[in-house]
């Protein structure tokens, strides 16, 4: 097994290639206009002042290299507008990916139009629209989309009321 195989890599570097590719695809959704790695490296250098070669970017994105430094992660994070933890912390990664999915969905004119028209509707009307959209997704064989905002699901941040005062030794 080579050291480039995901199962042999360290957990922190295991998914650098997936994260980088996802960010590139989100920033440049149209494959026809997506810059090559050399051009992308130039854009990164011009935007952030950080130097990464096109070859190195390709090696990272393809999983051939995974020995990225914290400085390089910081440059990538700055360029793509994500926190550096995006590359290292799966919780942060999932939160950012959720935001990327929303941004991608809002690029579609009809989705954006539907969202803008829903602004100002009552909670009951919004619930009815969500029910209709979920039904339409089911009819088309699409997976249901879970709400990502904990406040929208009625959840709250844990606080002192959540402390178990019945634990032994108390």
Foldseek 3Di string as FASTA:
>chain_A
DDCLDLVNDDQLQSCQLVLLVLLQCLVPVDPVPRDQLQVVQVVLCVVQVDGDHSVRSVCRNVSVDRPDDLVRLCSSCVSSVAPSCCSGDVVSVVVVVVVSVVVVQCVDPVSVVVVVVCPPDDPVVVVVVLVVVQVVCVVVVHDRDDDDDCVVVVDDDDDPVPDDPPDPPD
